[in-house]
Each structure stands twice: as C-alpha cells, then as structure tokens.
Amino acid sequence: MVEWEIEAKSSGEGVTSPYSRTEHCENIHEYRCDTSVGVIGIDVSKEHLVTSKGRVRKFTNNEKGYEEILTMKPNIIVIEPTGVYSTRPCQYFKERGVKVLLVSLAMERKGRKGKKTDFYDAEKLENMVNKSREYVNNPLKELVSLYLFMKDVQTKQENRLRRALFLVSDEEKLSEERLEKFSKGDFSDVKLYQLEYTGTVLREIQVLARTLIQTREELKEVRKMIEGNVPQDHVSVSEKFID
C-alpha cells in the first residue's frame, strides 16, 4: 500500500506512482482476495471523490466524475457516509449495478498520527470492506427529514406570530378559526392596542397567519406520504415518532 506520507505529495490531479499492495488474504475480506472482483474505496467531499485505485484518483463529485469512476468497472465500492455529499454518489453507483458498502473511519482516525490525506483514507476504506454494511436507499429518510424540518419551521412561525400578537393585544391564542380571520386581515374579535406600530404589526400577523396555515396543510400532506411508505403494522410507531 502507498504510504500516506507519499500520497500527500501527489499532484492536484491525483496522479500517483505505481505501487503494490502487501495485505495478506487471511486478514481481509473475501472480496479483496477474489481477483475477479474490483473493489474500490472512495473518500468523499463536497467537491471531489478520491479513489483507492486508478492512475488518476481524484474526480469531481458530479455525474462526470461518477461516469469516469465507472470506466474502471468496479463491482464493489466502499464509501464513508458523509451525509448528503455521499448519498448522491452511493445512489448513482447502486442504480448502475455496483454494490455499494458503507463504513466509518472515525475510530481509525483517532489512532493515526500526522495529517489526514484523502488518498490514504480511500485505501483504508477499500481494506475495511469486511467491516462495512450495504448501502440501502430508504424512501422514508428524506420524508421524515422533511417532516421534522417543517415542524421546526412551523414552531418558529407560531412563536413569531405569538410575539406579534403580544405587541398589539393581550390574546395569543392561535386557533384555526382565528388564523383564518387573521390571514384575511380580520381582527374584529381582538382588542388591539392603538400604538404607533400597530398597523405594521397587523400586516405582519396577516402574512404570518397565511404562511402558518400553508405550512400546517403541507405538514399533513408529508405525513400522509410517510404513512404511505410505512408497512401497516408499523404505522403506530411512525405516528408516535412524528407527532
């Protein structure tokens, strides 16, 4: 294996000197011992993918880079999960028939001395294939993430609306009926303080009420989508989670 100190001196294009590997088959996964199976480790960042094999080892993290990596005809790709930056290439490779495995280098990095290099990490990922798990696309993941994000937005909208109401009245209730009235500029059931800023704040309340109503409706739609992707015997669990 190329020493990471040497890899650190590689050019910006990721071109490295030829090298030989020294791992013994009894110490690594069967995938690495089968010469008919191409295993590639990939270190992922927002801008680039660095591979454990190839004369050119640094590629852009986009479709052009993915296709260039696929020209090496890998059967298995090992990637460290790094959130959104790794999800897209994982899904891309999987949909083109490549087995994608995930493994974290967090524990391995703790014991390493010296500066981190993407080239070393890519090689390490390839050699950790026996500790990896298969990448699986979960359609619920994005939906639940969206739901939680929108719940947070809803809470912020409600807090902002209550703040605005406090500035001009003594009532902060946010019932559906009141929201509908506020969204239409109807404040007839609210005793208002006639202050210099009252007109401006009432306009803010109207805008916030409209936005909050829309957010609540969209949350209902996302919830339906989540429930539609959960097996029937798991719906009660999902309801507990997203409430």
Foldseek 3Di string as FASTA:
>chain_A
DDDVVQQVPADPQSAHDDDDDDDDPVVFDVLVVDPVAAEWFWEWDQFWIAIQDDRGGIAGLDPVRLVVVCVVVHQEYEYEDDPPRVVVSLVVVVVVRHWYWYDHCVVVVVPDDDDDDRNVVRNVRSRCRVVTHTDDDDPLPVLLVVLVVLVVVLVVLLVVLQVLCVVWAPDSDDDPVVLVCLLVLHPPVTDTDPDPCNVVSSVVNNVSSVVNVVSVVVSVVSLVVNLVRDPPVCSVVVVVVSD
